[in-house]
Protein backbone atom coordinates (compact mmCIF):
# COMPACT_ATOMS: atom_id res chain seq x y z
CA MET A 1 0.40 -0.03 0.33
CA GLU A 2 1.50 3.66 -1.04
CA LYS A 3 1.52 5.62 1.66
CA THR A 4 2.98 9.22 1.91
CA PHE A 5 4.79 10.84 4.96
CA TYR A 6 5.21 14.43 5.67
CA ILE A 7 8.57 15.17 7.23
CA LYS A 8 9.86 18.39 9.04
CA ASN A 9 13.67 19.51 9.20
CA MET A 10 14.50 18.38 5.38
CA VAL A 11 16.59 20.98 4.24
CA CYS A 12 19.03 19.91 1.41
CA ASP A 13 19.88 16.98 -0.96
CA ARG A 14 21.91 14.69 1.89
CA CYS A 15 18.47 14.70 3.91
CA ILE A 16 16.54 12.95 1.08
CA LYS A 17 19.74 10.61 0.31
CA VAL A 18 20.15 9.70 4.11
CA LEU A 19 16.48 8.88 4.05
CA ARG A 20 16.61 7.01 1.01
CA ASN A 21 19.77 5.02 2.01
CA GLU A 22 18.27 4.30 5.38
CA ILE A 23 14.42 3.46 4.41
CA ARG A 24 16.16 1.24 1.27
CA ASP A 25 18.34 -0.63 4.14
CA GLU A 26 15.16 -1.83 5.71
CA ASN A 27 13.80 -3.36 2.50
CA ILE A 28 11.08 -1.07 2.27
CA LYS A 29 10.27 0.18 -1.16
CA VAL A 30 10.94 3.87 -1.67
CA LEU A 31 8.51 5.64 -4.39
CA THR A 32 9.93 9.10 -4.08
CA VAL A 33 11.81 11.39 -1.80
CA ARG A 34 11.81 14.94 -1.83
CA LEU A 35 12.15 17.74 0.99
CA GLY A 36 9.18 17.52 3.09
CA GLU A 37 7.76 14.33 1.75
CA LEU A 38 8.35 10.55 1.45
CA ALA A 39 6.38 8.22 -0.28
CA VAL A 40 6.67 4.38 0.21
CA ASP A 41 5.37 1.33 -0.53
CA ILE A 42 4.52 -0.34 2.87
CA SER A 43 2.89 -3.85 3.70
CA SER A 44 2.78 -3.88 7.20
CA GLU A 45 2.57 -1.48 10.47
CA ASN A 46 6.22 -2.68 11.52
CA GLU A 47 7.14 -0.67 8.20
CA VAL A 48 5.57 2.84 9.29
CA SER A 49 7.26 1.95 12.74
CA LYS A 50 10.55 1.77 11.19
CA ILE A 51 10.15 4.56 8.74
CA GLN A 52 9.24 6.95 11.94
CA LYS A 53 12.13 5.49 14.12
CA ILE A 54 14.43 6.13 10.95
CA VAL A 55 12.81 9.65 10.75
CA GLU A 56 13.59 10.54 14.09
CA SER A 57 17.10 8.79 14.11
CA ASN A 58 18.10 11.61 11.64
CA GLY A 59 16.62 14.53 13.32
CA PHE A 60 13.61 14.75 11.31
CA PHE A 61 9.85 14.78 12.64
CA LEU A 62 6.81 13.33 10.94
CA ILE A 63 4.15 15.59 10.54
CA ASP A 64 0.06 15.09 10.65
CA ASP A 65 -1.10 18.28 10.89
CA ASN A 66 -2.08 20.29 7.90
CA ASN A 67 -0.98 23.96 9.00
CA LEU A 68 2.42 22.32 10.02
CA LYS A 69 2.37 20.70 6.39
CA LEU A 70 1.77 24.35 4.92
CA VAL A 71 4.63 25.68 7.34
CA GLU A 72 7.15 23.43 6.17
CA GLN A 73 6.51 23.42 2.31
CA THR A 74 6.66 27.15 2.90
CA LYS A 75 10.01 26.60 4.26
CA ILE A 76 11.37 24.40 1.64
CA THR A 77 9.69 26.92 -0.64
CA LEU A 78 12.11 29.54 0.46
CA ILE A 79 15.23 27.32 1.13
CA SER A 80 14.52 25.96 -2.52
CA LEU A 81 15.37 29.88 -3.97
CA PHE A 82 18.69 29.85 -2.88
CA GLU A 83 19.72 26.74 -4.67
CA HIS A 84 20.25 29.24 -8.18
CA LEU A 85 21.45 32.73 -7.66
CA PRO A 86 20.68 35.89 -8.12
CA LEU A 87 17.35 35.45 -6.28
CA VAL A 88 14.38 35.76 -8.29
CA ASP A 89 13.16 39.52 -8.46
CA LYS A 90 9.54 38.89 -6.86
CA ASN A 91 8.45 39.88 -3.59
CA LEU A 92 8.11 37.71 -1.15
CA SER A 93 3.75 37.51 -1.40
CA GLU A 94 3.97 36.61 -5.26
CA ILE A 95 6.72 33.51 -4.64
CA ILE A 96 4.54 31.94 -1.97
CA THR A 97 1.24 32.35 -3.96
CA ASP A 98 2.90 30.76 -7.56
CA LYS A 99 4.49 28.20 -5.27
CA LEU A 100 1.98 26.99 -3.01
CA LYS A 101 -1.36 28.31 -4.52
CA GLN A 102 -2.17 29.50 -1.24
CA GLU A 103 -3.35 33.03 -0.30
CA TYR A 104 -0.60 34.65 0.83
CA SER A 105 -2.39 36.24 3.92
CA LYS A 106 -3.36 32.92 4.91
CA VAL A 107 0.26 30.98 4.78
CA SER A 108 1.26 34.06 6.63
CA LYS A 109 -0.80 33.77 9.29
CA ILE A 110 -0.04 30.15 9.78
CA PHE A 111 3.61 30.63 9.51
CA SER A 112 3.49 33.57 12.26
CA TYR A 113 1.27 31.44 14.53
CA ASN A 114 3.02 28.35 14.21
CA GLU A 115 6.82 29.39 14.29
CA LYS A 116 6.51 32.45 16.59
CA ILE A 117 7.78 34.59 13.53
CA THR A 118 6.98 36.03 10.74
CA LEU A 119 7.68 34.61 7.23
CA GLU A 120 9.25 37.99 6.07
CA LYS A 121 11.59 37.71 9.08
CA TYR A 122 12.38 34.13 8.52
CA PHE A 123 13.35 34.92 4.74
CA ILE A 124 15.48 37.79 5.73
CA LYS A 125 17.41 34.97 8.08
CA LEU A 126 17.68 32.76 5.39
CA LYS A 127 19.05 35.65 3.39
CA VAL A 128 21.61 36.59 6.51
CA GLU A 129 22.76 33.13 6.20
CA LYS A 130 23.47 32.89 2.43
CA ALA A 131 25.44 36.13 2.74
CA LYS A 132 27.34 34.39 5.49
CA GLU A 133 28.14 30.92 3.34
CA LEU A 134 29.19 33.54 0.22
CA ILE A 135 31.05 35.47 2.57
CA HIS A 136 32.84 32.28 3.76
CA ASN A 137 33.34 31.46 0.24
CA ARG A 138 35.67 34.39 -0.60
CA ASP A 139 34.69 34.45 -4.27
CA LEU A 140 32.61 37.43 -4.34
CA ASN A 141 32.62 41.03 -2.87
CA PHE A 142 29.67 42.53 -0.97
CA THR A 143 28.56 44.29 -3.61
CA LYS A 144 27.99 41.44 -5.84
CA ILE A 145 26.64 39.44 -2.93
CA SER A 146 24.07 41.90 -2.09
CA ARG A 147 22.81 41.70 -5.81
CA LEU A 148 22.75 38.14 -5.78
CA LEU A 149 20.55 37.91 -2.93
CA ASN A 150 18.49 40.64 -4.53
CA TYR A 151 18.71 43.95 -2.32
CA SER A 152 18.41 46.98 -3.47
CA ASN A 153 21.78 48.31 -2.42
CA LEU A 154 24.65 47.01 -0.15
CA THR A 155 23.64 49.21 2.42
CA HIS A 156 20.13 47.31 3.00
CA LEU A 157 21.85 43.94 3.22
CA SER A 158 24.81 45.55 5.84
CA ASN A 159 21.80 46.95 7.85
CA GLN A 160 19.88 43.47 8.28
CA PHE A 161 23.13 41.21 8.68
CA LYS A 162 24.08 43.64 11.35
CA ALA A 163 20.55 43.39 13.16
CA GLU A 164 20.71 39.56 12.76
CA THR A 165 24.60 38.84 13.62
CA GLY A 166 25.43 41.87 16.03
CA MET A 167 28.21 42.45 13.51
CA SER A 168 29.18 43.91 9.99
CA LEU A 169 30.10 42.32 6.85
CA THR A 170 33.64 43.31 7.48
CA GLU A 171 33.68 42.13 10.81
CA TYR A 172 32.22 38.64 10.16
CA LYS A 173 34.32 38.35 6.97
CA ALA A 174 37.69 39.11 9.47
CA MET A 175 36.78 36.88 11.81
CA GLU A 176 37.66 33.68 8.69
CA LYS A 177 35.19 31.43 10.77
CA ASN A 178 32.18 29.74 9.70
CA PHE A 179 29.31 30.67 11.76
CA ARG A 180 26.41 29.88 9.79
CA ASN A 181 23.53 28.40 11.26
CA PRO A 182 21.86 24.88 10.23
CA LEU A 183 19.01 25.81 8.11
CA ASP A 184 16.85 23.57 10.05
CA GLN A 185 17.22 25.36 12.95
CA ILE A 186 16.69 28.90 11.62
CA ILE A 187 14.02 30.80 13.89
């Protein structure tokens, strides 16, 4: 019987690979795995228990609640935007409406209620984490980073970076250490 599980905290291709491999190692047929979602062909409740154990042992959580599913889909949608830079030149409400086929006001309200942070603030946190990654890679100057992250100017990025990290872009770069936060722990 085909069963779909919705999973919290999947943020990258490695998450997909880990779940796929560990579930296959238990001889459970994996149909599809993508960020936040796992479809399998199961034959017993014992296999459901095995899947739950694998999911939780890897720091993920099963989601049953529809509002929490929407929150996780929203996070995945936003995190996925950073796979290809420069960021899309659309405002946040357009992106959410287009990708999730839901009214932005509904998504925003459910997100804020469940995560205790606004959708806009969450997106800023993601942008700052991506800026940290780009700074750490040392290939780009601050102006290019601000353009890639769709900031109107460098000052805007600088102000948000300082507000989130407590330090300037230059101070962060001078530290020569990677103080990035894991994407599944941003909030």
